[in-house]
Protein backbone atom coordinates (compact mmCIF):
# COMPACT_ATOMS: atom_id res chain seq x y z
CA MET A 1 48.80 45.64 -11.31
CA ALA A 2 47.18 43.99 -14.33
CA LYS A 3 48.61 40.67 -13.19
CA LYS A 4 46.99 41.09 -9.76
CA LYS A 5 43.63 41.84 -11.41
CA LYS A 6 43.93 38.69 -13.52
CA VAL A 7 44.74 36.62 -10.43
CA ALA A 8 41.81 38.14 -8.52
CA SER A 9 39.49 37.53 -11.48
CA ALA A 10 40.65 33.92 -11.76
CA THR A 11 40.21 33.40 -8.02
CA LYS A 12 36.70 34.86 -8.17
CA LYS A 13 35.86 32.63 -11.14
CA ASP A 14 37.18 29.55 -9.33
CA ALA A 15 35.14 30.44 -6.25
CA SER A 16 32.01 30.88 -8.37
CA THR A 17 32.62 27.52 -10.05
CA ALA A 18 33.12 25.87 -6.66
CA VAL A 19 29.82 27.34 -5.40
CA GLU A 20 27.99 26.08 -8.49
CA GLN A 21 29.47 22.61 -8.06
CA THR A 22 28.46 22.59 -4.40
CA GLU A 23 24.90 23.61 -5.30
CA GLU A 24 24.76 20.85 -7.91
CA ARG A 25 25.94 18.30 -5.34
CA LEU A 26 23.35 19.51 -2.83
CA GLY A 27 20.64 19.34 -5.48
CA ALA A 28 21.66 15.81 -6.44
CA ALA A 29 21.77 14.80 -2.79
CA GLY A 30 18.30 16.21 -2.25
CA THR A 31 16.97 14.34 -5.26
CA ALA A 32 18.59 11.11 -4.10
CA LYS A 33 17.08 11.58 -0.64
CA LYS A 34 13.60 12.07 -2.09
CA VAL A 35 13.95 8.98 -4.28
CA SER A 36 15.19 6.85 -1.37
CA GLU A 37 12.35 8.09 0.84
CA ASN A 38 9.80 7.20 -1.84
CA VAL A 39 11.28 3.71 -2.26
CA LEU A 40 11.33 3.13 1.50
CA GLY A 41 7.81 4.45 1.75
CA ASP A 42 6.61 1.99 -0.88
CA MET A 43 8.40 -1.04 0.55
CA LEU A 44 8.42 -0.47 4.30
CA GLY A 45 5.84 2.21 4.97
CA VAL A 46 8.41 4.78 6.14
CA GLY A 47 9.89 7.85 4.56
CA GLY A 48 9.15 11.52 4.10
CA LYS A 49 6.33 13.69 5.32
CA LYS A 50 2.81 12.60 4.48
CA LYS A 51 -0.41 14.53 4.23
CA GLU A 52 -2.45 14.66 7.39
CA PRO A 53 -5.52 12.39 7.04
CA LEU A 54 -9.00 13.86 7.32
CA GLU A 55 -10.54 13.71 10.77
CA ARG A 56 -12.61 10.57 11.23
CA PRO A 57 -16.25 11.27 12.13
CA ASP A 58 -17.34 10.26 15.61
CA ASP A 59 -19.64 7.27 15.16
CA LYS A 60 -20.55 4.26 17.27
CA ILE A 61 -19.58 0.96 15.65
CA VAL A 62 -22.39 -1.61 15.62
CA LEU A 63 -20.63 -4.31 13.56
CA ALA A 64 -16.87 -4.75 13.15
CA VAL A 65 -15.77 -7.17 10.42
CA GLU A 66 -12.33 -8.42 11.39
CA GLU A 67 -9.62 -9.85 9.17
CA ASP A 68 -8.91 -13.57 9.15
CA ARG A 69 -5.65 -13.23 11.06
CA THR A 70 -4.60 -16.81 10.34
CA ARG A 71 -4.84 -16.02 6.63
CA LEU A 72 -2.61 -12.97 7.09
CA VAL A 73 0.00 -15.01 8.98
CA VAL A 74 0.04 -17.85 6.43
CA GLN A 75 0.13 -15.54 3.40
CA GLY A 76 2.72 -13.26 4.99
CA ALA A 77 4.99 -16.20 5.86
CA GLY A 78 4.64 -17.62 2.35
CA LEU A 79 5.50 -14.27 0.78
CA LEU A 80 8.48 -13.91 3.13
CA LEU A 81 9.84 -17.25 1.92
CA ALA A 82 9.30 -16.11 -1.66
CA VAL A 83 11.27 -12.91 -1.00
CA LEU A 84 14.15 -14.87 0.56
CA PHE A 85 14.19 -17.26 -2.40
CA ALA A 86 14.27 -14.35 -4.86
CA LEU A 87 17.13 -12.66 -2.98
CA VAL A 88 19.17 -15.88 -2.82
CA ALA A 89 18.59 -16.44 -6.54
CA THR A 90 19.72 -12.86 -7.17
CA LEU A 91 23.00 -13.45 -5.32
CA VAL A 92 23.59 -16.75 -7.13
CA PHE A 93 23.04 -15.25 -10.58
CA TRP A 94 25.11 -12.18 -9.65
CA GLY A 95 28.03 -14.43 -8.76
CA ALA A 96 27.55 -16.44 -11.95
CA ALA A 97 27.52 -13.24 -14.00
CA ASN A 98 30.79 -12.08 -12.44
CA LEU A 99 32.46 -15.44 -13.05
CA THR A 100 31.27 -16.03 -16.61
CA GLY A 101 30.50 -12.54 -17.91
CA ASN A 102 27.27 -13.92 -19.38
CA VAL A 103 24.65 -11.19 -19.94
CA VAL A 104 21.82 -13.68 -19.41
CA PHE A 105 22.75 -13.99 -15.74
CA LEU A 106 22.61 -10.19 -15.38
CA LEU A 107 19.11 -10.21 -16.87
CA LEU A 108 18.09 -12.88 -14.36
CA VAL A 109 19.49 -10.70 -11.56
CA ILE A 110 17.21 -7.85 -12.68
CA VAL A 111 14.22 -10.20 -12.96
CA PHE A 112 14.63 -11.68 -9.47
CA LEU A 113 15.28 -8.27 -7.90
CA THR A 114 12.04 -7.02 -9.44
CA VAL A 115 10.19 -10.09 -8.17
CA ALA A 116 11.62 -9.56 -4.68
CA TRP A 117 10.48 -5.92 -4.70
CA PHE A 118 6.89 -6.67 -5.75
CA VAL A 119 6.55 -9.64 -3.40
CA SER A 120 7.97 -7.62 -0.49
CA ARG A 121 5.27 -4.99 -1.07
CA ALA A 122 2.56 -7.64 -0.90
CA MET A 123 4.17 -9.14 2.21
CA GLY A 124 4.34 -5.72 3.87
CA LYS A 125 0.62 -5.15 3.30
CA ARG A 126 -0.26 -8.45 5.00
CA PHE A 127 1.98 -7.90 8.00
CA ASN A 128 0.91 -4.26 8.36
CA ARG A 129 -2.74 -5.31 8.61
CA LEU A 130 -1.81 -8.13 10.98
CA PHE A 131 0.13 -6.01 13.47
CA SER A 132 -2.11 -2.94 13.24
CA HIS A 133 -5.23 -5.04 13.96
CA THR A 134 -7.09 -3.19 11.21
CA ASN A 135 -10.54 -4.52 10.32
CA VAL A 136 -11.86 -5.09 6.82
CA ILE A 137 -14.93 -2.89 7.31
CA ASP A 138 -16.86 -1.34 10.20
CA PHE A 139 -20.57 -0.54 10.21
CA GLY A 140 -21.40 2.46 12.36
CA GLU A 141 -24.72 4.04 13.25
CA ARG A 142 -24.38 6.68 10.51
CA HIS A 143 -21.35 5.66 8.41
CA ILE A 144 -19.54 2.70 6.92
CA PHE A 145 -15.75 2.61 7.30
CA VAL A 146 -13.87 0.69 4.61
CA TYR A 147 -10.22 0.00 5.45
CA GLU A 148 -8.38 -0.26 2.16
CA ARG A 149 -5.07 0.37 3.96
CA ALA A 150 -3.57 -0.74 7.25
CA ASP A 151 -3.90 2.75 8.78
CA PRO A 152 -7.42 3.10 10.29
CA LYS A 153 -7.17 6.89 9.98
CA LYS A 154 -7.18 6.53 6.19
CA ALA A 155 -10.47 4.64 6.06
CA LEU A 156 -12.96 5.34 3.30
CA VAL A 157 -15.93 6.87 5.14
CA ILE A 158 -19.33 6.40 3.48
CA PRO A 159 -22.60 7.74 4.93
CA TYR A 160 -25.49 5.30 4.52
CA LYS A 161 -27.53 7.99 2.77
CA ASP A 162 -24.93 8.11 -0.03
CA ILE A 163 -25.20 4.38 -0.80
CA LYS A 164 -27.54 3.76 -3.72
CA ASN A 165 -27.63 -0.03 -3.36
CA TYR A 166 -25.47 -2.98 -2.40
CA ARG A 167 -24.78 -6.58 -3.36
CA LEU A 168 -23.51 -9.52 -1.32
CA ILE A 169 -21.77 -12.23 -3.33
CA ARG A 170 -20.64 -15.45 -1.67
CA GLN A 171 -17.67 -17.13 -3.37
CA GLY A 172 -16.46 -20.21 -1.52
CA ARG A 173 -14.59 -19.09 1.59
CA ALA A 174 -14.95 -15.41 0.75
CA MET A 175 -17.71 -12.84 0.53
CA ARG A 176 -17.75 -9.76 -1.69
CA LEU A 177 -19.67 -6.67 -0.65
CA LEU A 178 -20.35 -4.28 -3.54
CA LEU A 179 -21.45 -0.73 -2.72
CA SER A 180 -22.90 1.60 -5.33
CA GLY A 181 -23.22 5.38 -5.25
CA ALA A 182 -22.28 8.67 -6.89
CA TRP A 183 -19.03 8.74 -4.86
CA VAL A 184 -17.67 5.55 -6.50
CA THR A 185 -14.72 6.20 -8.82
CA HIS A 186 -14.26 2.66 -10.19
CA PRO A 187 -15.47 2.20 -13.81
CA SER A 188 -17.68 -0.72 -12.71
CA GLY A 189 -19.74 1.65 -10.57
CA TYR A 190 -19.12 -0.37 -7.40
CA GLN A 191 -16.80 -0.14 -4.42
CA LEU A 192 -15.53 -3.65 -3.66
CA VAL A 193 -15.05 -4.84 -0.09
CA ASP A 194 -13.35 -8.24 -0.13
CA ILE A 195 -14.03 -10.28 3.02
CA ASN A 196 -11.68 -13.23 2.60
CA ARG A 197 -11.90 -15.83 5.39
CA PRO A 198 -10.39 -19.18 4.35
CA PHE A 199 -9.90 -20.18 8.01
CA LYS A 200 -13.17 -18.67 9.30
CA ALA A 201 -15.54 -19.63 6.51
CA ASP A 202 -18.16 -20.84 9.01
CA THR A 203 -18.75 -17.22 10.11
CA LEU A 204 -19.70 -15.90 6.66
CA ASP A 205 -23.37 -16.97 6.71
CA GLU A 206 -24.09 -15.18 9.98
CA LEU A 207 -22.06 -12.18 8.83
CA SER A 208 -24.07 -11.86 5.61
CA HIS A 209 -27.32 -11.84 7.62
CA GLN A 210 -25.96 -9.14 9.94
CA VAL A 211 -24.87 -6.95 7.02
CA ALA A 212 -28.25 -7.36 5.31
CA GLN A 213 -30.05 -6.45 8.54
CA ILE A 214 -28.00 -3.26 8.99
CA MET A 215 -28.64 -2.24 5.39
CA ARG A 216 -32.39 -2.77 5.81
CA GLU A 217 -32.39 -0.63 8.94
CA HIS A 218 -30.79 2.20 6.97
CA ARG A 219 -33.09 1.67 3.97
CA VAL A 220 -30.32 0.70 1.59
CA SER A 221 -31.77 -1.52 -1.11
CA ALA A 222 -30.18 -4.83 -2.07
CA ARG A 223 -29.49 -5.50 -5.73
CA VAL A 224 -29.86 -9.09 -6.84
């Protein structure tokens, strides 16, 4: 009888241990899934659930400032070549490390993998904006919409009444629009809108006049 109790106790203990091990595996699997989703979300824009964006206010757009799509294509293609080069270099140094056992080659593998990851993020941003047809900034009748990301639903919405002043800075084939207000979180006190048009530089003069005209209509002062 005592022997049967010992066997039953041992069986119960083994079952409890098996349950604990299963829970640990499930927990590890869940953690791995979250990590993989975060990595995929960073690199490819896919992954787990995301917060629902705030509803965009209904406003008529009077001036839409588009991206220089040729710039996005050229930069995206250049970054793609850089990613391919980094991946090929990674494979070469990985093979060299296996053949020679030299730690230096392993360090180079880590370096080029890191480079490939960062460059792929930059490439993804260019191609996302290219294929989503997202503008740089839109001027509405009551709001300004700044598109810091490729998703138009995640635009930074700024009412004209909340803009203290603005600055337009022309730098070669680009124009910087600086917006000031209590809502700005950057230490400089300005929200930067970078309008970079290396292949459409001839449109910047007219664009600066249009922006200045809209700001005057909404009584937003220009800061020299």
